[in-house]
C-alpha atoms as a PDB file:
ATOM      1  CA  UNK A   1     133.455 120.774 104.570  1.00  0.00           C
ATOM      2  CA  UNK A   2     132.069 117.328 103.715  1.00  0.00           C
ATOM      3  CA  UNK A   3     130.967 114.926 106.426  1.00  0.00           C
ATOM      4  CA  UNK A   4     133.210 111.871 106.477  1.00  0.00           C
ATOM      5  CA  UNK A   5     131.836 108.375 105.942  1.00  0.00           C
ATOM      6  CA  UNK A   6     133.411 104.961 106.524  1.00  0.00           C
ATOM      7  CA  UNK A   7     131.833 101.863 104.977  1.00  0.00           C
ATOM      8  CA  UNK A   8     132.165  98.454 106.650  1.00  0.00           C
ATOM      9  CA  UNK A   9     130.828  95.755 104.326  1.00  0.00           C
ATOM     10  CA  UNK A  10     132.336  92.492 103.102  1.00  0.00           C
ATOM     11  CA  UNK A  11     130.755  92.644  99.638  1.00  0.00           C
ATOM     12  CA  UNK A  12     133.338  94.537  97.608  1.00  0.00           C
ATOM     13  CA  UNK A  13     131.110  95.350  94.630  1.00  0.00           C
ATOM     14  CA  UNK A  14     128.342  96.646  96.865  1.00  0.00           C
ATOM     15  CA  UNK A  15     130.781  98.698  98.945  1.00  0.00           C
ATOM     16  CA  UNK A  16     132.259 100.254  95.798  1.00  0.00           C
ATOM     17  CA  UNK A  17     128.802 101.096  94.422  1.00  0.00           C
ATOM     18  CA  UNK A  18     127.779 102.502  97.809  1.00  0.00           C
ATOM     19  CA  UNK A  19     130.881 104.683  97.867  1.00  0.00           C
ATOM     20  CA  UNK A  20     130.007 106.132  94.461  1.00  0.00           C
ATOM     21  CA  UNK A  21     126.450 106.804  95.613  1.00  0.00           C
ATOM     22  CA  UNK A  22     127.470 108.477  98.892  1.00  0.00           C
ATOM     23  CA  UNK A  23     130.043 110.626  97.141  1.00  0.00           C
ATOM     24  CA  UNK A  24     127.305 111.833  94.797  1.00  0.00           C
ATOM     25  CA  UNK A  25     125.337 113.216  97.761  1.00  0.00           C
ATOM     26  CA  UNK A  26     125.979 116.839  98.636  1.00  0.00           C
ATOM     27  CA  UNK A  27     128.050 117.228 101.796  1.00  0.00           C
ATOM     28  CA  UNK A  28     129.240 113.626 102.214  1.00  0.00           C
ATOM     29  CA  UNK A  29     132.476 111.838 101.347  1.00  0.00           C
ATOM     30  CA  UNK A  30     133.609 108.250 101.862  1.00  0.00           C
ATOM     31  CA  UNK A  31     137.126 108.260 103.302  1.00  0.00           C
ATOM     32  CA  UNK A  32     137.648 104.555 104.063  1.00  0.00           C
ATOM     33  CA  UNK A  33     136.119 101.138 103.405  1.00  0.00           C
ATOM     34  CA  UNK A  34     136.677  97.951 105.415  1.00  0.00           C
ATOM     35  CA  UNK A  35     135.453  94.425 104.760  1.00  0.00           C
ATOM     36  CA  UNK A  36     134.687  93.534 108.392  1.00  0.00           C
ATOM     37  CA  UNK A  37     134.523  94.938 111.903  1.00  0.00           C
ATOM     38  CA  UNK A  38     137.973  93.696 112.862  1.00  0.00           C
ATOM     39  CA  UNK A  39     139.620  95.884 110.216  1.00  0.00           C
ATOM     40  CA  UNK A  40     137.674  98.891 111.515  1.00  0.00           C
ATOM     41  CA  UNK A  41     138.627  98.182 115.132  1.00  0.00           C
ATOM     42  CA  UNK A  42     142.317  97.899 114.233  1.00  0.00           C
ATOM     43  CA  UNK A  43     142.076 101.208 112.375  1.00  0.00           C
ATOM     44  CA  UNK A  44     140.493 102.962 115.361  1.00  0.00           C
ATOM     45  CA  UNK A  45     142.803 101.318 117.911  1.00  0.00           C
ATOM     46  CA  UNK A  46     145.742 102.683 115.912  1.00  0.00           C
ATOM     47  CA  UNK A  47     144.651 106.145 117.019  1.00  0.00           C
ATOM     48  CA  UNK A  48     142.703 107.190 113.948  1.00  0.00           C
ATOM     49  CA  UNK A  49     139.584 109.297 114.360  1.00  0.00           C
ATOM     50  CA  UNK A  50     136.230 107.796 113.588  1.00  0.00           C
ATOM     51  CA  UNK A  51     134.091 109.194 110.758  1.00  0.00           C
ATOM     52  CA  UNK A  52     131.143 111.509 111.151  1.00  0.00           C
ATOM     53  CA  UNK A  53     128.927 108.553 110.219  1.00  0.00           C
ATOM     54  CA  UNK A  54     129.802 104.870 110.016  1.00  0.00           C
ATOM     55  CA  UNK A  55     127.865 102.680 107.555  1.00  0.00           C
ATOM     56  CA  UNK A  56     127.784  99.185 109.006  1.00  0.00           C
ATOM     57  CA  UNK A  57     126.675  95.876 107.492  1.00  0.00           C
ATOM     58  CA  UNK A  58     125.463  93.077 109.777  1.00  0.00           C
ATOM     59  CA  UNK A  59     126.529  89.820 108.150  1.00  0.00           C
ATOM     60  CA  UNK A  60     130.308  89.827 107.784  1.00  0.00           C
ATOM     61  CA  UNK A  61     133.042  87.245 108.413  1.00  0.00           C
ATOM     62  CA  UNK A  62     135.579  87.533 111.252  1.00  0.00           C
ATOM     63  CA  UNK A  63     133.679  90.270 113.127  1.00  0.00           C
ATOM     64  CA  UNK A  64     130.033  90.917 112.270  1.00  0.00           C
ATOM     65  CA  UNK A  65     127.942  94.038 112.720  1.00  0.00           C
ATOM     66  CA  UNK A  66     126.581  93.122 116.145  1.00  0.00           C
ATOM     67  CA  UNK A  67     130.053  92.457 117.583  1.00  0.00           C
ATOM     68  CA  UNK A  68     131.367  95.648 115.993  1.00  0.00           C
ATOM     69  CA  UNK A  69     128.506  97.669 117.461  1.00  0.00           C
ATOM     70  CA  UNK A  70     129.171  96.199 120.911  1.00  0.00           C
ATOM     71  CA  UNK A  71     132.841  97.212 120.643  1.00  0.00           C
ATOM     72  CA  UNK A  72     131.887 100.717 119.556  1.00  0.00           C
ATOM     73  CA  UNK A  73     129.472 101.096 122.473  1.00  0.00           C
ATOM     74  CA  UNK A  74     132.277 100.217 124.862  1.00  0.00           C
ATOM     75  CA  UNK A  75     135.100 102.126 123.199  1.00  0.00           C
ATOM     76  CA  UNK A  76     133.542 104.810 120.955  1.00  0.00           C
ATOM     77  CA  UNK A  77     130.066 105.442 122.423  1.00  0.00           C
ATOM     78  CA  UNK A  78     129.625 108.749 120.589  1.00  0.00           C
ATOM     79  CA  UNK A  79     130.233 107.242 117.161  1.00  0.00           C
ATOM     80  CA  UNK A  80     127.204 107.711 114.889  1.00  0.00           C
ATOM     81  CA  UNK A  81     126.353 104.421 113.183  1.00  0.00           C
ATOM     82  CA  UNK A  82     123.846 103.778 110.414  1.00  0.00           C
ATOM     83  CA  UNK A  83     123.222 100.085 109.774  1.00  0.00           C
ATOM     84  CA  UNK A  84     122.725  99.117 106.126  1.00  0.00           C
ATOM     85  CA  UNK A  85     121.929  95.442 105.736  1.00  0.00           C
ATOM     86  CA  UNK A  86     119.619  92.704 104.445  1.00  0.00           C
ATOM     87  CA  UNK A  87     118.952  91.457 107.984  1.00  0.00           C
ATOM     88  CA  UNK A  88     115.423  92.504 108.918  1.00  0.00           C
ATOM     89  CA  UNK A  89     114.881  90.349 112.002  1.00  0.00           C
ATOM     90  CA  UNK A  90     113.102  92.426 114.660  1.00  0.00           C
ATOM     91  CA  UNK A  91     115.312  90.979 117.410  1.00  0.00           C
ATOM     92  CA  UNK A  92     118.455  92.052 115.534  1.00  0.00           C
ATOM     93  CA  UNK A  93     117.112  95.572 115.001  1.00  0.00           C
ATOM     94  CA  UNK A  94     116.209  95.976 118.685  1.00  0.00           C
ATOM     95  CA  UNK A  95     119.626  94.716 119.805  1.00  0.00           C
ATOM     96  CA  UNK A  96     121.406  97.147 117.479  1.00  0.00           C
ATOM     97  CA  UNK A  97     119.329 100.072 118.734  1.00  0.00           C
ATOM     98  CA  UNK A  98     120.122  99.134 122.331  1.00  0.00           C
ATOM     99  CA  UNK A  99     123.813  99.109 121.436  1.00  0.00           C
ATOM    100  CA  UNK A 100     123.533 102.673 120.186  1.00  0.00           C
ATOM    101  CA  UNK A 101     122.857 102.374 116.458  1.00  0.00           C
ATOM    102  CA  UNK A 102     121.388 105.683 115.192  1.00  0.00           C
ATOM    103  CA  UNK A 103     119.430 104.236 112.267  1.00  0.00           C
ATOM    104  CA  UNK A 104     118.653 100.936 110.542  1.00  0.00           C
ATOM    105  CA  UNK A 105     118.147 100.630 106.777  1.00  0.00           C
ATOM    106  CA  UNK A 106     117.613  97.637 104.494  1.00  0.00           C
ATOM    107  CA  UNK A 107     119.748  97.391 101.378  1.00  0.00           C
ATOM    108  CA  UNK A 108     116.755  97.672  99.042  1.00  0.00           C
ATOM    109  CA  UNK A 109     116.281 101.263 100.209  1.00  0.00           C
ATOM    110  CA  UNK A 110     115.727 103.987  97.630  1.00  0.00           C
ATOM    111  CA  UNK A 111     118.703 106.374  97.197  1.00  0.00           C
ATOM    112  CA  UNK A 112     116.518 109.341  98.193  1.00  0.00           C
ATOM    113  CA  UNK A 113     115.645 107.855 101.572  1.00  0.00           C
ATOM    114  CA  UNK A 114     119.247 106.801 102.107  1.00  0.00           C
ATOM    115  CA  UNK A 115     120.419 110.378 101.563  1.00  0.00           C
ATOM    116  CA  UNK A 116     117.627 111.613 103.845  1.00  0.00           C
ATOM    117  CA  UNK A 117     118.776 109.177 106.557  1.00  0.00           C
ATOM    118  CA  UNK A 118     122.371 110.403 106.349  1.00  0.00           C
ATOM    119  CA  UNK A 119     121.251 114.019 106.664  1.00  0.00           C
ATOM    120  CA  UNK A 120     118.928 113.196 109.565  1.00  0.00           C
ATOM    121  CA  UNK A 121     121.678 111.419 111.505  1.00  0.00           C
ATOM    122  CA  UNK A 122     124.108 114.231 110.796  1.00  0.00           C
ATOM    123  CA  UNK A 123     121.683 116.929 111.959  1.00  0.00           C
ATOM    124  CA  UNK A 124     119.552 115.199 114.587  1.00  0.00           C
ATOM    125  CA  UNK A 125     121.714 112.298 115.706  1.00  0.00           C
ATOM    126  CA  UNK A 126     119.268 109.600 114.660  1.00  0.00           C
ATOM    127  CA  UNK A 127     116.941 108.418 111.886  1.00  0.00           C
ATOM    128  CA  UNK A 128     113.671 106.579 112.487  1.00  0.00           C
ATOM    129  CA  UNK A 129     111.722 104.769 109.782  1.00  0.00           C
ATOM    130  CA  UNK A 130     109.077 102.063 109.349  1.00  0.00           C
ATOM    131  CA  UNK A 131     111.672  99.289 109.769  1.00  0.00           C
ATOM    132  CA  UNK A 132     112.470 100.566 113.255  1.00  0.00           C
ATOM    133  CA  UNK A 133     108.903 101.420 114.257  1.00  0.00           C
ATOM    134  CA  UNK A 134     107.669  97.958 113.191  1.00  0.00           C
ATOM    135  CA  UNK A 135     110.439  96.290 115.222  1.00  0.00           C
ATOM    136  CA  UNK A 136     109.624  98.389 118.290  1.00  0.00           C
ATOM    137  CA  UNK A 137     105.926  97.621 117.890  1.00  0.00           C
ATOM    138  CA  UNK A 138     106.656  93.899 117.698  1.00  0.00           C
ATOM    139  CA  UNK A 139     108.883  94.148 120.774  1.00  0.00           C
ATOM    140  CA  UNK A 140     106.025  95.774 122.689  1.00  0.00           C
ATOM    141  CA  UNK A 141     103.602  93.035 121.611  1.00  0.00           C
ATOM    142  CA  UNK A 142     106.147  90.397 122.608  1.00  0.00           C
ATOM    143  CA  UNK A 143     106.383  91.877 126.118  1.00  0.00           C
ATOM    144  CA  UNK A 144     102.603  91.781 126.442  1.00  0.00           C
ATOM    145  CA  UNK A 145     102.550  88.186 125.202  1.00  0.00           C
ATOM    146  CA  UNK A 146     105.146  87.128 127.786  1.00  0.00           C
ATOM    147  CA  UNK A 147     103.040  88.629 130.583  1.00  0.00           C
ATOM    148  CA  UNK A 148     100.106  86.286 129.917  1.00  0.00           C
ATOM    149  CA  UNK A 149      99.433  83.414 132.320  1.00  0.00           C
ATOM    150  CA  UNK A 150      98.877  79.844 131.087  1.00  0.00           C
ATOM    151  CA  UNK A 151      95.143  80.144 131.723  1.00  0.00           C
ATOM    152  CA  UNK A 152      94.982  83.465 129.894  1.00  0.00           C
ATOM    153  CA  UNK A 153      96.755  81.842 126.955  1.00  0.00           C
ATOM    154  CA  UNK A 154      94.244  79.003 127.049  1.00  0.00           C
ATOM    155  CA  UNK A 155      91.379  81.510 127.073  1.00  0.00           C
ATOM    156  CA  UNK A 156      92.958  83.450 124.192  1.00  0.00           C
ATOM    157  CA  UNK A 157      93.162  80.284 122.115  1.00  0.00           C
ATOM    158  CA  UNK A 158      89.477  79.555 122.744  1.00  0.00           C
ATOM    159  CA  UNK A 159      88.579  83.181 122.015  1.00  0.00           C
ATOM    160  CA  UNK A 160      89.936  82.632 118.489  1.00  0.00           C
ATOM    161  CA  UNK A 161      87.424  79.842 117.908  1.00  0.00           C
ATOM    162  CA  UNK A 162      83.709  79.999 117.142  1.00  0.00           C
ATOM    163  CA  UNK A 163      82.802  79.156 120.740  1.00  0.00           C
ATOM    164  CA  UNK A 164      80.656  81.598 122.672  1.00  0.00           C
ATOM    165  CA  UNK A 165      82.042  82.906 125.960  1.00  0.00           C
ATOM    166  CA  UNK A 166      79.589  80.583 127.769  1.00  0.00           C
ATOM    167  CA  UNK A 167      80.948  77.618 125.805  1.00  0.00           C
ATOM    168  CA  UNK A 168      84.513  78.734 126.533  1.00  0.00           C
ATOM    169  CA  UNK A 169      83.659  78.692 130.252  1.00  0.00           C
ATOM    170  CA  UNK A 170      82.342  75.145 129.936  1.00  0.00           C
ATOM    171  CA  UNK A 171      85.401  74.063 127.949  1.00  0.00           C
ATOM    172  CA  UNK A 172      87.743  75.506 130.601  1.00  0.00           C
ATOM    173  CA  UNK A 173      85.581  74.218 133.481  1.00  0.00           C
ATOM    174  CA  UNK A 174      85.170  77.730 134.821  1.00  0.00           C
ATOM    175  CA  UNK A 175      82.265  79.956 135.740  1.00  0.00           C
ATOM    176  CA  UNK A 176      81.128  82.557 133.187  1.00  0.00           C
ATOM    177  CA  UNK A 177      82.182  85.239 135.670  1.00  0.00           C
ATOM    178  CA  UNK A 178      85.764  83.909 135.782  1.00  0.00           C
ATOM    179  CA  UNK A 179      85.909  83.821 131.990  1.00  0.00           C
ATOM    180  CA  UNK A 180      84.672  87.417 131.945  1.00  0.00           C
ATOM    181  CA  UNK A 181      87.566  88.290 134.255  1.00  0.00           C
ATOM    182  CA  UNK A 182      90.055  86.630 131.894  1.00  0.00           C
ATOM    183  CA  UNK A 183      88.556  88.570 128.991  1.00  0.00           C
ATOM    184  CA  UNK A 184      88.811  91.919 130.781  1.00  0.00           C
ATOM    185  CA  UNK A 185      92.350  91.104 131.946  1.00  0.00           C
ATOM    186  CA  UNK A 186      93.422  90.394 128.363  1.00  0.00           C
ATOM    187  CA  UNK A 187      91.715  93.532 127.082  1.00  0.00           C
ATOM    188  CA  UNK A 188      93.756  95.524 129.593  1.00  0.00           C
ATOM    189  CA  UNK A 189      97.098  93.752 129.085  1.00  0.00           C
ATOM    190  CA  UNK A 190      96.927  93.713 125.288  1.00  0.00           C
ATOM    191  CA  UNK A 191      95.263  97.118 124.997  1.00  0.00           C
ATOM    192  CA  UNK A 192      92.432  95.879 122.791  1.00  0.00           C
ATOM    193  CA  UNK A 193      88.705  96.559 123.102  1.00  0.00           C
ATOM    194  CA  UNK A 194      87.011  93.562 121.538  1.00  0.00           C
ATOM    195  CA  UNK A 195      87.211  89.879 120.720  1.00  0.00           C
ATOM    196  CA  UNK A 196      88.319  90.867 117.216  1.00  0.00           C
ATOM    197  CA  UNK A 197      91.263  92.696 118.810  1.00  0.00           C
ATOM    198  CA  UNK A 198      92.187  89.529 120.705  1.00  0.00           C
ATOM    199  CA  UNK A 199      92.078  87.494 117.502  1.00  0.00           C
ATOM    200  CA  UNK A 200      94.194  90.044 115.604  1.00  0.00           C
ATOM    201  CA  UNK A 201      96.824  89.962 118.374  1.00  0.00           C
ATOM    202  CA  UNK A 202      96.863  86.146 118.317  1.00  0.00           C
ATOM    203  CA  UNK A 203      97.326  86.137 114.528  1.00  0.00           C
ATOM    204  CA  UNK A 204     100.202  88.643 114.650  1.00  0.00           C
ATOM    205  CA  UNK A 205     101.985  86.615 117.321  1.00  0.00           C
ATOM    206  CA  UNK A 206     101.459  83.280 115.565  1.00  0.00           C
ATOM    207  CA  UNK A 207      99.269  81.968 118.395  1.00  0.00           C
ATOM    208  CA  UNK A 208      96.408  81.494 115.960  1.00  0.00           C
ATOM    209  CA  UNK A 209      96.896  80.723 112.277  1.00  0.00           C
ATOM    210  CA  UNK A 210      94.279  81.389 109.627  1.00  0.00           C
END
């Protein structure tokens, strides 16, 4: 018996093309399509069963993907949801995962990976890919960044310059020993082993621009 799929996407042409694609995959069948989250909620509140997997867009009028996911977490927490969208903001991805989304795909995905994601969610309950791992990695770096003190941030900025550590100490009006302590503290907090690692972190976080 085919696994049931519901598509929630406000772009009619895309939704129709997606339905054709999903129906071409072995073991899957689209049973309903809705143009926003509100239509889906009304359908479920009417007593209808949810699908095996829900394909959810993010940017929709009336009720967007985030609001829909929040409703599902509260009312249908076991519903398997695969997000399929153009929204690749790390913050959005993290929020959707926290709300219970089982996978997050961008709409430029290859059909083969899309089919693989559906099968993975059906069998394992979730699908992880580079989009998710990159977002999680950025979230971890953001946490580390937020833990830095003002003086550590000042030291990090100087560390990205051509100044020697002795010159950094003079610039910050600190002893070389104190600057060494800042360096070791940053190495530990950011999990890097060298000045190059500090610079790479600063570049990734936009603290230092090349």
